[in-house]
């Protein structure tokens, strides 16, 4: 359970599980749903069948990463829930910045839901096709959960709603999965473009580092959720600071990219997020709502 100063309303840690996402989905659609309120979390020290975006497997070594899924009931219109993965990525990025302070790396987000490290000196890091010198150190996975309340009753908020729910229990349930690579060595990482706090040069030998990362991530997630809810789910509302901060952290913007979408590959200059990725192509601006982004090397 959570301590008094924890950012989580409830925190359960298990030594090993297949997937915290799957475990929470089962709990939220069963008789124990009420025991998992807004900002409750399930953490595993090891996963054997974790899932990344697009159903990819995510298996981690013992104590190598932070693996946590958080139950959210955001008080924002349902039509604006698509901003959540981007905002969660920003929160994780903000939480990790202090852990790389003084190191030759900056942190940013990569559309739609990755946190990446960017080297101060690109020449000092081996280039990986599609990623250049950036290294993915964290990712988020957002999944909407259909419950009896959210799928039927007239008082529940339905998909497409333009009004914020009147209460948490009427808000759609979202499971936000967060994975942060902390103590893995280079040989532990599955792909060339992955990194960890350890491979960036951060001190991770202390067993308390994972706990500190968890608390930092939870705190930043709460802060960003509060900002988002105060803006009615519109990141550009009011002074627009939340939208500005989200975009300024996104390394994808301003880059020539290729996006492998469901209906084929699209290339162009990434110019904005709506939260879809807006690509400027020869035929005009195109919004891409899902897909894998790779950097395109421009020569000339």
Protein backbone atom coordinates (compact mmCIF):
# COMPACT_ATOMS: atom_id res chain seq x y z
CA UNK A 1 0.00 0.00 0.00
CA UNK A 2 1.04 3.62 -0.46
CA UNK A 3 2.65 5.70 2.27
CA UNK A 4 1.26 9.01 3.44
CA UNK A 5 3.47 11.05 1.13
CA UNK A 6 3.10 8.83 -1.93
CA UNK A 7 1.64 10.41 -5.09
CA UNK A 8 -0.43 7.23 -5.55
CA UNK A 9 -3.76 6.63 -3.83
CA UNK A 10 -2.86 2.94 -3.64
CA UNK A 11 0.37 1.18 -4.58
CA UNK A 12 0.70 -2.60 -4.80
CA UNK A 13 4.09 -4.16 -5.65
CA UNK A 14 4.46 -7.76 -6.80
CA UNK A 15 7.78 -9.58 -7.38
CA UNK A 16 6.83 -10.93 -10.81
CA UNK A 17 3.86 -11.02 -13.15
CA UNK A 18 3.07 -11.49 -16.80
CA UNK A 19 1.81 -7.96 -17.43
CA UNK A 20 0.70 -5.26 -15.01
CA UNK A 21 -1.57 -3.93 -17.77
CA UNK A 22 -3.36 -7.25 -18.11
CA UNK A 23 -3.59 -7.69 -14.35
CA UNK A 24 -5.19 -4.28 -13.85
CA UNK A 25 -7.56 -4.72 -16.78
CA UNK A 26 -8.82 -7.95 -15.20
CA UNK A 27 -9.19 -6.26 -11.82
CA UNK A 28 -11.04 -3.24 -13.22
CA UNK A 29 -13.59 -5.38 -15.06
CA UNK A 30 -14.19 -7.68 -12.09
CA UNK A 31 -15.73 -7.48 -8.62
CA UNK A 32 -12.67 -5.72 -7.12
CA UNK A 33 -12.85 -2.70 -9.43
CA UNK A 34 -13.77 -0.33 -6.59
CA UNK A 35 -10.48 -1.12 -4.81
CA UNK A 36 -8.54 0.48 -7.67
CA UNK A 37 -9.44 4.20 -7.57
CA UNK A 38 -7.96 7.08 -9.52
CA UNK A 39 -4.13 7.14 -9.21
CA UNK A 40 -3.89 3.62 -7.82
CA UNK A 41 -0.97 1.65 -9.20
CA UNK A 42 0.32 -1.87 -9.68
CA UNK A 43 4.09 -2.29 -9.88
CA UNK A 44 6.05 -5.41 -10.79
CA UNK A 45 9.74 -5.95 -10.15
CA UNK A 46 9.82 -8.22 -13.21
CA UNK A 47 7.49 -8.88 -16.13
CA UNK A 48 7.46 -11.98 -18.30
CA UNK A 49 4.79 -10.96 -20.81
CA UNK A 50 4.79 -7.17 -20.74
CA UNK A 51 3.35 -5.29 -23.68
CA UNK A 52 4.55 -2.21 -25.46
CA UNK A 53 2.73 -0.29 -28.15
CA UNK A 54 1.19 -2.30 -31.02
CA UNK A 55 1.27 -5.44 -28.88
CA UNK A 56 5.07 -5.75 -28.84
CA UNK A 57 6.58 -7.93 -26.11
CA UNK A 58 8.50 -6.24 -23.30
CA UNK A 59 10.47 -8.63 -21.09
CA UNK A 60 12.85 -7.20 -18.50
CA UNK A 61 15.62 -8.66 -16.36
CA UNK A 62 15.21 -8.73 -12.59
CA UNK A 63 15.29 -5.24 -11.05
CA UNK A 64 16.39 -3.72 -14.36
CA UNK A 65 13.49 -1.38 -14.93
CA UNK A 66 10.59 0.45 -13.35
CA UNK A 67 7.40 -1.32 -14.44
CA UNK A 68 4.15 0.20 -13.24
CA UNK A 69 0.57 0.59 -14.44
CA UNK A 70 -1.60 3.39 -13.08
CA UNK A 71 -5.39 3.66 -13.02
CA UNK A 72 -6.59 7.08 -14.15
CA UNK A 73 -10.03 8.64 -14.32
CA UNK A 74 -9.26 12.03 -15.85
CA UNK A 75 -11.84 14.79 -15.44
CA UNK A 76 -11.59 15.86 -19.08
CA UNK A 77 -13.93 15.43 -22.06
CA UNK A 78 -13.66 11.98 -23.61
CA UNK A 79 -12.79 13.48 -26.99
CA UNK A 80 -9.56 14.87 -25.47
CA UNK A 81 -8.29 11.63 -23.97
CA UNK A 82 -5.97 11.20 -26.96
CA UNK A 83 -3.68 13.79 -25.36
CA UNK A 84 -3.00 11.47 -22.41
CA UNK A 85 -0.08 9.44 -23.86
CA UNK A 86 1.72 12.64 -24.86
CA UNK A 87 1.15 14.25 -21.48
CA UNK A 88 2.23 11.09 -19.67
CA UNK A 89 5.40 11.01 -21.75
CA UNK A 90 6.08 14.62 -20.78
CA UNK A 91 5.55 13.78 -17.11
CA UNK A 92 7.99 10.85 -17.28
CA UNK A 93 10.53 12.97 -19.12
CA UNK A 94 10.28 15.72 -16.48
CA UNK A 95 10.65 13.15 -13.70
CA UNK A 96 13.86 11.73 -15.20
CA UNK A 97 15.64 15.03 -15.91
CA UNK A 98 17.17 15.27 -12.39
CA UNK A 99 18.63 11.77 -12.74
CA UNK A 100 20.75 12.77 -15.76
CA UNK A 101 21.76 16.19 -14.49
CA UNK A 102 25.42 16.86 -15.31
CA UNK A 103 25.56 14.11 -17.92
CA UNK A 104 26.12 14.81 -21.65
CA UNK A 105 22.51 13.98 -22.48
CA UNK A 106 19.26 15.87 -22.76
CA UNK A 107 15.83 14.27 -22.44
CA UNK A 108 12.84 14.71 -24.68
CA UNK A 109 9.74 12.95 -25.91
CA UNK A 110 9.23 11.16 -29.21
CA UNK A 111 5.74 11.03 -30.67
CA UNK A 112 3.55 9.40 -29.63
CA UNK A 113 4.70 7.86 -26.34
CA UNK A 114 8.46 7.45 -25.94
CA UNK A 115 10.97 9.25 -23.74
CA UNK A 116 14.35 9.58 -25.39
CA UNK A 117 17.85 10.72 -24.49
CA UNK A 118 19.55 13.03 -26.97
CA UNK A 119 23.36 13.34 -26.87
CA UNK A 120 24.89 16.79 -26.51
CA UNK A 121 27.57 15.69 -29.00
CA UNK A 122 25.96 13.54 -31.71
CA UNK A 123 29.40 12.55 -33.01
CA UNK A 124 30.17 10.81 -29.71
CA UNK A 125 27.33 8.30 -30.08
CA UNK A 126 26.96 5.55 -32.70
CA UNK A 127 24.23 6.31 -35.22
CA UNK A 128 21.30 3.91 -35.36
CA UNK A 129 19.24 4.04 -38.58
CA UNK A 130 15.92 5.76 -37.95
CA UNK A 131 17.01 6.99 -34.53
CA UNK A 132 20.33 8.78 -35.16
CA UNK A 133 22.00 9.17 -31.76
CA UNK A 134 18.84 9.22 -29.67
CA UNK A 135 18.15 6.38 -27.26
CA UNK A 136 14.75 5.31 -25.93
CA UNK A 137 14.84 5.04 -22.15
CA UNK A 138 11.14 4.96 -21.31
CA UNK A 139 7.74 4.44 -22.83
CA UNK A 140 4.08 4.68 -21.95
CA UNK A 141 1.03 2.71 -23.04
CA UNK A 142 -2.47 4.10 -22.58
CA UNK A 143 -5.48 1.78 -22.70
CA UNK A 144 -9.14 2.66 -22.23
CA UNK A 145 -11.06 0.19 -20.08
CA UNK A 146 -14.75 -0.42 -20.74
CA UNK A 147 -16.70 -0.95 -17.53
CA UNK A 148 -20.38 -1.41 -16.79
CA UNK A 149 -20.64 2.24 -15.81
CA UNK A 150 -18.66 3.69 -18.69
CA UNK A 151 -20.30 1.55 -21.36
CA UNK A 152 -23.95 2.00 -20.59
CA UNK A 153 -25.51 4.24 -17.94
CA UNK A 154 -26.90 7.62 -18.89
CA UNK A 155 -24.85 9.27 -16.11
CA UNK A 156 -21.56 7.90 -17.42
CA UNK A 157 -19.43 9.80 -19.88
CA UNK A 158 -19.59 8.25 -23.30
CA UNK A 159 -16.84 8.27 -25.97
CA UNK A 160 -16.91 11.50 -27.98
CA UNK A 161 -18.26 13.58 -25.12
CA UNK A 162 -17.30 17.26 -25.19
CA UNK A 163 -18.04 17.79 -21.49
CA UNK A 164 -15.89 16.86 -18.53
CA UNK A 165 -17.38 14.18 -16.26
CA UNK A 166 -19.04 15.49 -13.12
CA UNK A 167 -17.22 13.05 -10.82
CA UNK A 168 -14.33 10.57 -10.88
CA UNK A 169 -16.62 7.55 -10.74
CA UNK A 170 -18.30 8.74 -13.96
CA UNK A 171 -15.03 9.28 -15.84
CA UNK A 172 -13.67 6.72 -18.32
CA UNK A 173 -11.07 4.41 -16.79
CA UNK A 174 -7.65 4.45 -18.39
CA UNK A 175 -4.73 2.16 -17.56
CA UNK A 176 -1.46 3.96 -18.10
CA UNK A 177 1.50 1.61 -18.36
CA UNK A 178 4.92 3.13 -17.71
CA UNK A 179 8.25 1.46 -18.27
CA UNK A 180 11.59 3.12 -17.45
CA UNK A 181 14.93 1.49 -18.17
CA UNK A 182 17.07 2.08 -15.10
CA UNK A 183 19.83 -0.39 -14.31
CA UNK A 184 20.22 -2.40 -17.53
CA UNK A 185 23.63 -2.72 -19.09
CA UNK A 186 23.95 -2.34 -22.84
CA UNK A 187 23.91 -6.12 -23.27
CA UNK A 188 20.57 -6.32 -21.43
CA UNK A 189 18.80 -4.03 -23.88
CA UNK A 190 16.88 -5.66 -26.73
CA UNK A 191 17.53 -3.17 -29.54
CA UNK A 192 20.33 -0.82 -30.57
CA UNK A 193 18.27 2.31 -30.03
CA UNK A 194 17.37 1.48 -26.43
CA UNK A 195 19.17 3.00 -23.48
CA UNK A 196 18.89 3.09 -19.71
CA UNK A 197 19.82 5.53 -16.99
CA UNK A 198 22.85 3.30 -16.42
CA UNK A 199 24.02 3.40 -20.04
CA UNK A 200 23.66 7.19 -20.00
CA UNK A 201 26.11 7.29 -17.09
CA UNK A 202 23.70 7.80 -14.19
CA UNK A 203 24.44 6.15 -10.85
CA UNK A 204 21.97 3.29 -10.51
CA UNK A 205 23.70 0.84 -8.15
CA UNK A 206 21.67 2.08 -5.17
CA UNK A 207 18.55 -0.04 -4.71
CA UNK A 208 16.63 3.12 -3.79
CA UNK A 209 17.00 4.59 -7.30
CA UNK A 210 13.98 2.73 -8.65
CA UNK A 211 11.91 3.92 -5.68
CA UNK A 212 13.05 7.50 -6.30
CA UNK A 213 12.17 7.22 -9.99
CA UNK A 214 8.74 5.82 -9.11
CA UNK A 215 7.99 8.69 -6.72
CA UNK A 216 9.25 11.27 -9.22
CA UNK A 217 7.17 9.81 -12.04
CA UNK A 218 4.07 9.71 -9.83
CA UNK A 219 4.57 13.28 -8.68
CA UNK A 220 5.03 14.64 -12.20
CA UNK A 221 2.08 12.63 -13.47
CA UNK A 222 -0.15 14.17 -10.80
CA UNK A 223 1.15 17.66 -11.64
CA UNK A 224 0.50 17.30 -15.37
CA UNK A 225 -2.92 15.74 -14.82
CA UNK A 226 -3.90 18.65 -12.58
CA UNK A 227 -2.81 21.13 -15.27
CA UNK A 228 -4.69 19.21 -17.94
CA UNK A 229 -7.89 18.98 -15.93
CA UNK A 230 -7.72 22.66 -15.03
CA UNK A 231 -7.55 23.42 -18.76
CA UNK A 232 -10.61 21.27 -19.45
CA UNK A 233 -8.49 18.79 -21.37
CA UNK A 234 -7.40 21.45 -23.90
CA UNK A 235 -3.61 21.78 -23.67
CA UNK A 236 -3.77 25.07 -25.60
CA UNK A 237 -6.44 26.68 -23.42
CA UNK A 238 -5.78 29.82 -21.40
CA UNK A 239 -2.16 30.89 -21.66
CA UNK A 240 -1.33 27.72 -23.61
CA UNK A 241 1.69 26.96 -21.42
CA UNK A 242 0.93 23.25 -21.18
CA UNK A 243 0.77 22.90 -24.95
CA UNK A 244 3.95 24.93 -25.36
CA UNK A 245 5.83 22.79 -22.87
CA UNK A 246 4.56 19.59 -24.44
CA UNK A 247 5.69 20.66 -27.91
CA UNK A 248 9.04 22.08 -26.82
CA UNK A 249 9.96 18.73 -25.23
CA UNK A 250 9.06 16.75 -28.37
CA UNK A 251 12.16 15.87 -30.36
CA UNK A 252 10.02 14.72 -33.31
CA UNK A 253 8.89 18.22 -34.21
CA UNK A 254 11.03 20.02 -36.75
CA UNK A 255 12.41 16.73 -38.10
CA UNK A 256 11.99 15.02 -41.43
CA UNK A 257 10.39 11.73 -40.47
CA UNK A 258 8.76 8.66 -41.89
CA UNK A 259 5.71 7.20 -40.18
CA UNK A 260 4.75 3.58 -40.68
CA UNK A 261 0.98 3.86 -40.34
CA UNK A 262 -1.70 1.22 -40.76
CA UNK A 263 -2.30 2.17 -44.40
CA UNK A 264 1.35 2.52 -45.39
CA UNK A 265 4.33 4.81 -44.86
CA UNK A 266 4.01 8.59 -44.89
CA UNK A 267 6.95 10.96 -44.98
CA UNK A 268 7.20 14.66 -44.26
CA UNK A 269 8.31 17.41 -41.92
CA UNK A 270 6.78 17.04 -38.45
CA UNK A 271 5.32 20.48 -37.71
CA UNK A 272 2.77 20.04 -34.90
CA UNK A 273 0.72 17.70 -32.70
CA UNK A 274 -3.06 17.97 -32.32
CA UNK A 275 -2.49 15.31 -30.62
CA UNK A 276 -2.13 13.57 -33.98
CA UNK A 277 1.23 14.15 -35.61
CA UNK A 278 0.97 16.79 -38.34
CA UNK A 279 3.28 16.14 -41.28
CA UNK A 280 3.97 18.74 -43.95
CA UNK A 281 4.16 16.87 -47.23
CA UNK A 282 4.34 17.95 -50.86
CA UNK A 283 0.60 17.47 -51.09
CA UNK A 284 -0.17 19.50 -47.96
CA UNK A 285 -0.46 18.87 -44.24
CA UNK A 286 -1.46 15.37 -43.16
CA UNK A 287 -2.52 14.23 -39.67
CA UNK A 288 -1.26 10.82 -38.56
CA UNK A 289 -3.03 9.37 -35.53
CA UNK A 290 -0.93 6.25 -34.96
CA UNK A 291 2.29 4.76 -36.26
CA UNK A 292 6.00 4.17 -35.74
CA UNK A 293 8.17 7.22 -36.36
CA UNK A 294 11.70 7.07 -37.76
CA UNK A 295 14.06 9.91 -38.57
CA UNK A 296 14.87 10.46 -42.23
CA UNK A 297 18.43 11.49 -42.97
CA UNK A 298 18.45 14.49 -45.27
CA UNK A 299 21.47 14.97 -47.50
CA UNK A 300 22.40 17.74 -49.83
